[in-house]
Amino acid sequence: MSASPPPDSVPKRAGQPFGSCWSCRILSGGGLLLGAAYVYLAARKVLRQGGPASVGTVAQIAFATGLGAWGIVVLVDPVGKSHRKT
């Protein structure tokens, strides 16, 4: 019989779903930033065609801003840096 620990016993840092995995953070943060750019450009396309700034268009721009901020937070990881013990 093997004496390997169960997967649940591996300690994780609280508040960090990605831990110290740089490739995971770059991939997910970059994906969020690209998604934000896509949503923002779709809303801008309507405005460039001369359409009125409707509530839906403003909501799209606000959602894109939120996605972009989330992507930056995932990339920069300010919470993990402030709680790291050296």
PDB file of N, CA and C in Angstrom:
ATOM      1  N   MET A   1       0.831  -1.175   0.000  1.00  0.00           N
ATOM      2  CA  MET A   1       0.000   0.000   0.000  1.00  0.00           C
ATOM      3  C   MET A   1       0.878   1.241   0.000  1.00  0.00           C
ATOM      4  N   SER A   2       0.450   2.248  -0.703  1.00  0.00           N
ATOM      5  CA  SER A   2       1.218   3.492  -0.732  1.00  0.00           C
ATOM      6  C   SER A   2       0.754   4.418   0.383  1.00  0.00           C
ATOM      7  N   ALA A   3       1.682   5.237   0.831  1.00  0.00           N
ATOM      8  CA  ALA A   3       1.383   6.138   1.943  1.00  0.00           C
ATOM      9  C   ALA A   3       1.304   7.578   1.468  1.00  0.00           C
ATOM     10  N   SER A   4       0.737   7.814   0.293  1.00  0.00           N
ATOM     11  CA  SER A   4       0.632   9.186  -0.219  1.00  0.00           C
ATOM     12  C   SER A   4      -0.514   9.903   0.480  1.00  0.00           C
ATOM     13  N   PRO A   5      -0.323  11.203   0.767  1.00  0.00           N
ATOM     14  CA  PRO A   5      -1.388  11.943   1.451  1.00  0.00           C
ATOM     15  C   PRO A   5      -2.566  12.186   0.514  1.00  0.00           C
ATOM     16  N   PRO A   6      -3.756  12.260   1.064  1.00  0.00           N
ATOM     17  CA  PRO A   6      -4.920  12.550   0.222  1.00  0.00           C
ATOM     18  C   PRO A   6      -4.806  13.958  -0.368  1.00  0.00           C
ATOM     19  N   PRO A   7      -5.414  14.204  -1.531  1.00  0.00           N
ATOM     20  CA  PRO A   7      -5.295  15.512  -2.171  1.00  0.00           C
ATOM     21  C   PRO A   7      -5.854  16.660  -1.339  1.00  0.00           C
ATOM     22  N   ASP A   8      -6.764  16.382  -0.408  1.00  0.00           N
ATOM     23  CA  ASP A   8      -7.352  17.448   0.406  1.00  0.00           C
ATOM     24  C   ASP A   8      -6.376  17.984   1.449  1.00  0.00           C
ATOM     25  N   SER A   9      -5.327  17.222   1.754  1.00  0.00           N
ATOM     26  CA  SER A   9      -4.425  17.634   2.819  1.00  0.00           C
ATOM     27  C   SER A   9      -3.326  18.577   2.341  1.00  0.00           C
ATOM     28  N   VAL A  10      -3.260  18.852   1.055  1.00  0.00           N
ATOM     29  CA  VAL A  10      -2.255  19.771   0.541  1.00  0.00           C
ATOM     30  C   VAL A  10      -2.652  21.187   0.938  1.00  0.00           C
ATOM     31  N   PRO A  11      -1.788  21.913   1.667  1.00  0.00           N
ATOM     32  CA  PRO A  11      -2.170  23.259   2.123  1.00  0.00           C
ATOM     33  C   PRO A  11      -2.233  24.245   0.978  1.00  0.00           C
ATOM     34  N   LYS A  12      -3.255  25.073   0.995  1.00  0.00           N
ATOM     35  CA  LYS A  12      -3.419  26.145   0.018  1.00  0.00           C
ATOM     36  C   LYS A  12      -3.428  27.465   0.752  1.00  0.00           C
ATOM     37  N   ARG A  13      -2.948  28.477   0.086  1.00  0.00           N
ATOM     38  CA  ARG A  13      -3.001  29.797   0.696  1.00  0.00           C
ATOM     39  C   ARG A  13      -4.411  30.347   0.541  1.00  0.00           C
ATOM     40  N   ALA A  14      -4.945  30.861   1.630  1.00  0.00           N
ATOM     41  CA  ALA A  14      -6.307  31.394   1.621  1.00  0.00           C
ATOM     42  C   ALA A  14      -6.389  32.628   0.736  1.00  0.00           C
ATOM     43  N   GLY A  15      -7.427  32.714  -0.063  1.00  0.00           N
ATOM     44  CA  GLY A  15      -7.640  33.885  -0.896  1.00  0.00           C
ATOM     45  C   GLY A  15      -6.874  33.865  -2.206  1.00  0.00           C
ATOM     46  N   GLN A  16      -6.169  32.784  -2.492  1.00  0.00           N
ATOM     47  CA  GLN A  16      -5.409  32.701  -3.734  1.00  0.00           C
ATOM     48  C   GLN A  16      -5.731  31.405  -4.456  1.00  0.00           C
ATOM     49  N   PRO A  17      -6.677  31.433  -5.359  1.00  0.00           N
ATOM     50  CA  PRO A  17      -7.011  30.202  -6.064  1.00  0.00           C
ATOM     51  C   PRO A  17      -5.901  29.738  -7.005  1.00  0.00           C
ATOM     52  N   PHE A  18      -5.035  30.653  -7.458  1.00  0.00           N
ATOM     53  CA  PHE A  18      -3.981  30.285  -8.396  1.00  0.00           C
ATOM     54  C   PHE A  18      -2.647  30.038  -7.705  1.00  0.00           C
ATOM     55  N   GLY A  19      -2.543  30.363  -6.418  1.00  0.00           N
ATOM     56  CA  GLY A  19      -1.303  30.153  -5.699  1.00  0.00           C
ATOM     57  C   GLY A  19      -0.167  30.925  -6.338  1.00  0.00           C
ATOM     58  N   SER A  20       0.929  30.252  -6.553  1.00  0.00           N
ATOM     59  CA  SER A  20       2.075  30.916  -7.162  1.00  0.00           C
ATOM     60  C   SER A  20       2.275  30.451  -8.599  1.00  0.00           C
ATOM     61  N   CYS A  21       1.253  29.992  -9.237  1.00  0.00           N
ATOM     62  CA  CYS A  21       1.334  29.497 -10.617  1.00  0.00           C
ATOM     63  C   CYS A  21       1.276  30.687 -11.584  1.00  0.00           C
ATOM     64  N   TRP A  22       2.450  31.109 -12.067  1.00  0.00           N
ATOM     65  CA  TRP A  22       2.514  32.269 -12.964  1.00  0.00           C
ATOM     66  C   TRP A  22       1.791  32.017 -14.272  1.00  0.00           C
ATOM     67  N   SER A  23       1.947  30.825 -14.827  1.00  0.00           N
ATOM     68  CA  SER A  23       1.299  30.563 -16.117  1.00  0.00           C
ATOM     69  C   SER A  23      -0.219  30.604 -15.985  1.00  0.00           C
ATOM     70  N   CYS A  24      -0.741  30.134 -14.846  1.00  0.00           N
ATOM     71  CA  CYS A  24      -2.190  30.186 -14.627  1.00  0.00           C
ATOM     72  C   CYS A  24      -2.666  31.628 -14.526  1.00  0.00           C
ATOM     73  N   ARG A  25      -1.907  32.451 -13.791  1.00  0.00           N
ATOM     74  CA  ARG A  25      -2.297  33.847 -13.622  1.00  0.00           C
ATOM     75  C   ARG A  25      -2.181  34.613 -14.933  1.00  0.00           C
ATOM     76  N   ILE A  26      -1.145  34.360 -15.711  1.00  0.00           N
ATOM     77  CA  ILE A  26      -0.990  35.069 -16.983  1.00  0.00           C
ATOM     78  C   ILE A  26      -2.076  34.651 -17.958  1.00  0.00           C
ATOM     79  N   LEU A  27      -2.367  33.367 -18.013  1.00  0.00           N
ATOM     80  CA  LEU A  27      -3.394  32.880 -18.939  1.00  0.00           C
ATOM     81  C   LEU A  27      -4.777  33.412 -18.575  1.00  0.00           C
ATOM     82  N   SER A  28      -5.148  33.322 -17.296  1.00  0.00           N
ATOM     83  CA  SER A  28      -6.492  33.774 -16.919  1.00  0.00           C
ATOM     84  C   SER A  28      -6.592  35.297 -16.910  1.00  0.00           C
ATOM     85  N   GLY A  29      -5.568  35.989 -16.430  1.00  0.00           N
ATOM     86  CA  GLY A  29      -5.584  37.454 -16.442  1.00  0.00           C
ATOM     87  C   GLY A  29      -5.580  38.008 -17.858  1.00  0.00           C
ATOM     88  N   GLY A  30      -4.777  37.397 -18.713  1.00  0.00           N
ATOM     89  CA  GLY A  30      -4.765  37.828 -20.118  1.00  0.00           C
ATOM     90  C   GLY A  30      -6.083  37.549 -20.816  1.00  0.00           C
ATOM     91  N   GLY A  31      -6.697  36.416 -20.491  1.00  0.00           N
ATOM     92  CA  GLY A  31      -8.003  36.101 -21.060  1.00  0.00           C
ATOM     93  C   GLY A  31      -9.069  37.094 -20.632  1.00  0.00           C
ATOM     94  N   LEU A  32      -9.020  37.488 -19.365  1.00  0.00           N
ATOM     95  CA  LEU A  32      -9.973  38.493 -18.888  1.00  0.00           C
ATOM     96  C   LEU A  32      -9.740  39.837 -19.572  1.00  0.00           C
ATOM     97  N   LEU A  33      -8.485  40.217 -19.766  1.00  0.00           N
ATOM     98  CA  LEU A  33      -8.191  41.485 -20.443  1.00  0.00           C
ATOM     99  C   LEU A  33      -8.627  41.445 -21.908  1.00  0.00           C
ATOM    100  N   LEU A  34      -8.408  40.319 -22.572  1.00  0.00           N
ATOM    101  CA  LEU A  34      -8.862  40.199 -23.959  1.00  0.00           C
ATOM    102  C   LEU A  34     -10.388  40.214 -24.048  1.00  0.00           C
ATOM    103  N   GLY A  35     -11.050  39.565 -23.099  1.00  0.00           N
ATOM    104  CA  GLY A  35     -12.512  39.606 -23.067  1.00  0.00           C
ATOM    105  C   GLY A  35     -13.028  41.020 -22.845  1.00  0.00           C
ATOM    106  N   ALA A  36     -12.347  41.764 -21.971  1.00  0.00           N
ATOM    107  CA  ALA A  36     -12.732  43.154 -21.721  1.00  0.00           C
ATOM    108  C   ALA A  36     -12.562  43.999 -22.980  1.00  0.00           C
ATOM    109  N   ALA A  37     -11.470  43.776 -23.691  1.00  0.00           N
ATOM    110  CA  ALA A  37     -11.247  44.533 -24.930  1.00  0.00           C
ATOM    111  C   ALA A  37     -12.321  44.209 -25.965  1.00  0.00           C
ATOM    112  N   TYR A  38     -12.707  42.944 -26.068  1.00  0.00           N
ATOM    113  CA  TYR A  38     -13.730  42.545 -27.034  1.00  0.00           C
ATOM    114  C   TYR A  38     -15.080  43.188 -26.710  1.00  0.00           C
ATOM    115  N   VAL A  39     -15.474  43.150 -25.447  1.00  0.00           N
ATOM    116  CA  VAL A  39     -16.759  43.731 -25.046  1.00  0.00           C
ATOM    117  C   VAL A  39     -16.744  45.241 -25.253  1.00  0.00           C
ATOM    118  N   TYR A  40     -15.639  45.885 -24.888  1.00  0.00           N
ATOM    119  CA  TYR A  40     -15.528  47.341 -25.038  1.00  0.00           C
ATOM    120  C   TYR A  40     -15.579  47.745 -26.509  1.00  0.00           C
ATOM    121  N   LEU A  41     -14.853  47.024 -27.361  1.00  0.00           N
ATOM    122  CA  LEU A  41     -14.852  47.374 -28.783  1.00  0.00           C
ATOM    123  C   LEU A  41     -16.212  47.121 -29.434  1.00  0.00           C
ATOM    124  N   ALA A  42     -16.942  46.127 -28.964  1.00  0.00           N
ATOM    125  CA  ALA A  42     -18.292  45.892 -29.487  1.00  0.00           C
ATOM    126  C   ALA A  42     -19.216  47.053 -29.133  1.00  0.00           C
ATOM    127  N   ALA A  43     -19.070  47.585 -27.923  1.00  0.00           N
ATOM    128  CA  ALA A  43     -19.892  48.733 -27.530  1.00  0.00           C
ATOM    129  C   ALA A  43     -19.467  49.991 -28.282  1.00  0.00           C
ATOM    130  N   ARG A  44     -18.178  50.153 -28.483  1.00  0.00           N
ATOM    131  CA  ARG A  44     -17.689  51.330 -29.214  1.00  0.00           C
ATOM    132  C   ARG A  44     -18.113  51.299 -30.682  1.00  0.00           C
ATOM    133  N   LYS A  45     -18.245  50.100 -31.231  1.00  0.00           N
ATOM    134  CA  LYS A  45     -18.657  49.975 -32.632  1.00  0.00           C
ATOM    135  C   LYS A  45     -20.044  50.583 -32.842  1.00  0.00           C
ATOM    136  N   VAL A  46     -20.929  50.357 -31.885  1.00  0.00           N
ATOM    137  CA  VAL A  46     -22.278  50.925 -31.971  1.00  0.00           C
ATOM    138  C   VAL A  46     -22.207  52.446 -31.917  1.00  0.00           C
ATOM    139  N   LEU A  47     -21.376  52.962 -31.023  1.00  0.00           N
ATOM    140  CA  LEU A  47     -21.262  54.415 -30.888  1.00  0.00           C
ATOM    141  C   LEU A  47     -20.601  55.047 -32.111  1.00  0.00           C
ATOM    142  N   ARG A  48     -19.627  54.367 -32.704  1.00  0.00           N
ATOM    143  CA  ARG A  48     -18.958  54.911 -33.901  1.00  0.00           C
ATOM    144  C   ARG A  48     -19.882  54.950 -35.110  1.00  0.00           C
ATOM    145  N   GLN A  49     -20.872  54.066 -35.134  1.00  0.00           N
ATOM    146  CA  GLN A  49     -21.810  54.055 -36.253  1.00  0.00           C
ATOM    147  C   GLN A  49     -22.876  55.128 -36.103  1.00  0.00           C
ATOM    148  N   GLY A  50     -22.788  55.917 -35.057  1.00  0.00           N
ATOM    149  CA  GLY A  50     -23.717  57.019 -34.879  1.00  0.00           C
ATOM    150  C   GLY A  50     -24.934  56.681 -34.056  1.00  0.00           C
ATOM    151  N   GLY A  51     -24.936  55.521 -33.438  1.00  0.00           N
ATOM    152  CA  GLY A  51     -26.066  55.137 -32.603  1.00  0.00           C
ATOM    153  C   GLY A  51     -26.062  55.893 -31.288  1.00  0.00           C
ATOM    154  N   PRO A  52     -27.220  56.016 -30.688  1.00  0.00           N
ATOM    155  CA  PRO A  52     -27.290  56.733 -29.410  1.00  0.00           C
ATOM    156  C   PRO A  52     -26.671  55.892 -28.287  1.00  0.00           C
ATOM    157  N   ALA A  53     -26.224  56.574 -27.266  1.00  0.00           N
ATOM    158  CA  ALA A  53     -25.659  55.894 -26.098  1.00  0.00           C
ATOM    159  C   ALA A  53     -26.806  55.387 -25.230  1.00  0.00           C
ATOM    160  N   SER A  54     -27.248  54.184 -25.481  1.00  0.00           N
ATOM    161  CA  SER A  54     -28.359  53.617 -24.721  1.00  0.00           C
ATOM    162  C   SER A  54     -27.846  53.050 -23.397  1.00  0.00           C
ATOM    163  N   VAL A  55     -28.780  52.629 -22.570  1.00  0.00           N
ATOM    164  CA  VAL A  55     -28.422  52.050 -21.280  1.00  0.00           C
ATOM    165  C   VAL A  55     -27.631  50.754 -21.489  1.00  0.00           C
ATOM    166  N   GLY A  56     -27.978  49.992 -22.501  1.00  0.00           N
ATOM    167  CA  GLY A  56     -27.268  48.752 -22.786  1.00  0.00           C
ATOM    168  C   GLY A  56     -25.823  48.983 -23.192  1.00  0.00           C
ATOM    169  N   THR A  57     -25.593  50.019 -23.989  1.00  0.00           N
ATOM    170  CA  THR A  57     -24.230  50.331 -24.409  1.00  0.00           C
ATOM    171  C   THR A  57     -23.386  50.785 -23.219  1.00  0.00           C
ATOM    172  N   VAL A  58     -23.965  51.606 -22.373  1.00  0.00           N
ATOM    173  CA  VAL A  58     -23.249  52.058 -21.172  1.00  0.00           C
ATOM    174  C   VAL A  58     -22.987  50.873 -20.248  1.00  0.00           C
ATOM    175  N   ALA A  59     -23.927  49.943 -20.142  1.00  0.00           N
ATOM    176  CA  ALA A  59     -23.732  48.756 -19.313  1.00  0.00           C
ATOM    177  C   ALA A  59     -22.613  47.880 -19.874  1.00  0.00           C
ATOM    178  N   GLN A  60     -22.524  47.777 -21.196  1.00  0.00           N
ATOM    179  CA  GLN A  60     -21.441  47.014 -21.814  1.00  0.00           C
ATOM    180  C   GLN A  60     -20.081  47.624 -21.485  1.00  0.00           C
ATOM    181  N   ILE A  61     -19.984  48.932 -21.551  1.00  0.00           N
ATOM    182  CA  ILE A  61     -18.715  49.603 -21.258  1.00  0.00           C
ATOM    183  C   ILE A  61     -18.362  49.436 -19.782  1.00  0.00           C
ATOM    184  N   ALA A  62     -19.348  49.519 -18.906  1.00  0.00           N
ATOM    185  CA  ALA A  62     -19.098  49.317 -17.473  1.00  0.00           C
ATOM    186  C   ALA A  62     -18.670  47.873 -17.197  1.00  0.00           C
ATOM    187  N   PHE A  63     -19.297  46.919 -17.869  1.00  0.00           N
ATOM    188  CA  PHE A  63     -18.928  45.511 -17.708  1.00  0.00           C
ATOM    189  C   PHE A  63     -17.512  45.260 -18.214  1.00  0.00           C
ATOM    190  N   ALA A  64     -17.162  45.883 -19.339  1.00  0.00           N
ATOM    191  CA  ALA A  64     -15.806  45.741 -19.869  1.00  0.00           C
ATOM    192  C   ALA A  64     -14.775  46.327 -18.913  1.00  0.00           C
ATOM    193  N   THR A  65     -15.117  47.429 -18.269  1.00  0.00           N
ATOM    194  CA  THR A  65     -14.214  48.026 -17.284  1.00  0.00           C
ATOM    195  C   THR A  65     -14.016  47.086 -16.096  1.00  0.00           C
ATOM    196  N   GLY A  66     -15.086  46.466 -15.651  1.00  0.00           N
ATOM    197  CA  GLY A  66     -14.985  45.507 -14.557  1.00  0.00           C
ATOM    198  C   GLY A  66     -14.153  44.291 -14.923  1.00  0.00           C
ATOM    199  N   LEU A  67     -14.350  43.768 -16.141  1.00  0.00           N
ATOM    200  CA  LEU A  67     -13.538  42.643 -16.594  1.00  0.00           C
ATOM    201  C   LEU A  67     -12.062  43.013 -16.665  1.00  0.00           C
ATOM    202  N   GLY A  68     -11.778  44.202 -17.165  1.00  0.00           N
ATOM    203  CA  GLY A  68     -10.391  44.647 -17.260  1.00  0.00           C
ATOM    204  C   GLY A  68      -9.752  44.802 -15.891  1.00  0.00           C
ATOM    205  N   ALA A  69     -10.495  45.354 -14.950  1.00  0.00           N
ATOM    206  CA  ALA A  69      -9.971  45.511 -13.588  1.00  0.00           C
ATOM    207  C   ALA A  69      -9.717  44.150 -12.951  1.00  0.00           C
ATOM    208  N   TRP A  70     -10.614  43.216 -13.173  1.00  0.00           N
ATOM    209  CA  TRP A  70     -10.449  41.868 -12.631  1.00  0.00           C
ATOM    210  C   TRP A  70      -9.210  41.200 -13.226  1.00  0.00           C
ATOM    211  N   GLY A  71      -8.997  41.385 -14.537  1.00  0.00           N
ATOM    212  CA  GLY A  71      -7.812  40.828 -15.179  1.00  0.00           C
ATOM    213  C   GLY A  71      -6.528  41.406 -14.619  1.00  0.00           C
ATOM    214  N   ILE A  72      -6.519  42.701 -14.346  1.00  0.00           N
ATOM    215  CA  ILE A  72      -5.333  43.337 -13.778  1.00  0.00           C
ATOM    216  C   ILE A  72      -5.078  42.829 -12.365  1.00  0.00           C
ATOM    217  N   VAL A  73      -6.139  42.653 -11.589  1.00  0.00           N
ATOM    218  CA  VAL A  73      -5.981  42.145 -10.225  1.00  0.00           C
ATOM    219  C   VAL A  73      -5.421  40.729 -10.242  1.00  0.00           C
ATOM    220  N   VAL A  74      -5.883  39.897 -11.159  1.00  0.00           N
ATOM    221  CA  VAL A  74      -5.366  38.529 -11.250  1.00  0.00           C
ATOM    222  C   VAL A  74      -3.886  38.556 -11.634  1.00  0.00           C
ATOM    223  N   LEU A  75      -3.503  39.426 -12.545  1.00  0.00           N
ATOM    224  CA  LEU A  75      -2.103  39.498 -12.971  1.00  0.00           C
ATOM    225  C   LEU A  75      -1.188  40.075 -11.897  1.00  0.00           C
ATOM    226  N   VAL A  76      -1.613  41.140 -11.252  1.00  0.00           N
ATOM    227  CA  VAL A  76      -0.754  41.846 -10.302  1.00  0.00           C
ATOM    228  C   VAL A  76      -0.720  41.148  -8.942  1.00  0.00           C
ATOM    229  N   ASP A  77      -1.821  40.548  -8.510  1.00  0.00           N
ATOM    230  CA  ASP A  77      -1.933  39.812  -7.254  1.00  0.00           C
ATOM    231  C   ASP A  77      -1.582  40.672  -6.041  1.00  0.00           C
ATOM    232  N   PRO A  78      -2.308  41.775  -5.797  1.00  0.00           N
ATOM    233  CA  PRO A  78      -1.956  42.618  -4.667  1.00  0.00           C
ATOM    234  C   PRO A  78      -2.242  41.990  -3.301  1.00  0.00           C
ATOM    235  N   VAL A  79      -3.233  41.119  -3.198  1.00  0.00           N
ATOM    236  CA  VAL A  79      -3.575  40.514  -1.901  1.00  0.00           C
ATOM    237  C   VAL A  79      -2.490  39.537  -1.472  1.00  0.00           C
ATOM    238  N   GLY A  80      -2.021  38.731  -2.388  1.00  0.00           N
ATOM    239  CA  GLY A  80      -0.981  37.761  -2.050  1.00  0.00           C
ATOM    240  C   GLY A  80       0.322  38.426  -1.640  1.00  0.00           C
ATOM    241  N   LYS A  81       0.629  39.581  -2.213  1.00  0.00           N
ATOM    242  CA  LYS A  81       1.872  40.274  -1.877  1.00  0.00           C
ATOM    243  C   LYS A  81       1.793  40.944  -0.524  1.00  0.00           C
ATOM    244  N   SER A  82       0.611  41.411  -0.133  1.00  0.00           N
ATOM    245  CA  SER A  82       0.507  42.105   1.140  1.00  0.00           C
ATOM    246  C   SER A  82       0.468  41.139   2.327  1.00  0.00           C
ATOM    247  N   HIS A  83       0.115  39.881   2.115  1.00  0.00           N
ATOM    248  CA  HIS A  83       0.031  38.906   3.203  1.00  0.00           C
ATOM    249  C   HIS A  83       1.188  37.923   3.211  1.00  0.00           C
ATOM    250  N   ARG A  84       2.126  38.042   2.299  1.00  0.00           N
ATOM    251  CA  ARG A  84       3.232  37.110   2.209  1.00  0.00           C
ATOM    252  C   ARG A  84       4.216  37.348   3.341  1.00  0.00           C
ATOM    253  N   LYS A  85       4.610  36.289   4.016  1.00  0.00           N
ATOM    254  CA  LYS A  85       5.570  36.404   5.108  1.00  0.00           C
ATOM    255  C   LYS A  85       6.960  36.042   4.593  1.00  0.00           C
ATOM    256  N   THR A  86       7.919  36.875   4.942  1.00  0.00           N
ATOM    257  CA  THR A  86       9.294  36.604   4.489  1.00  0.00           C
ATOM    258  C   THR A  86      10.210  36.272   5.625  1.00  0.00           C
TER     259      THR A  86
END
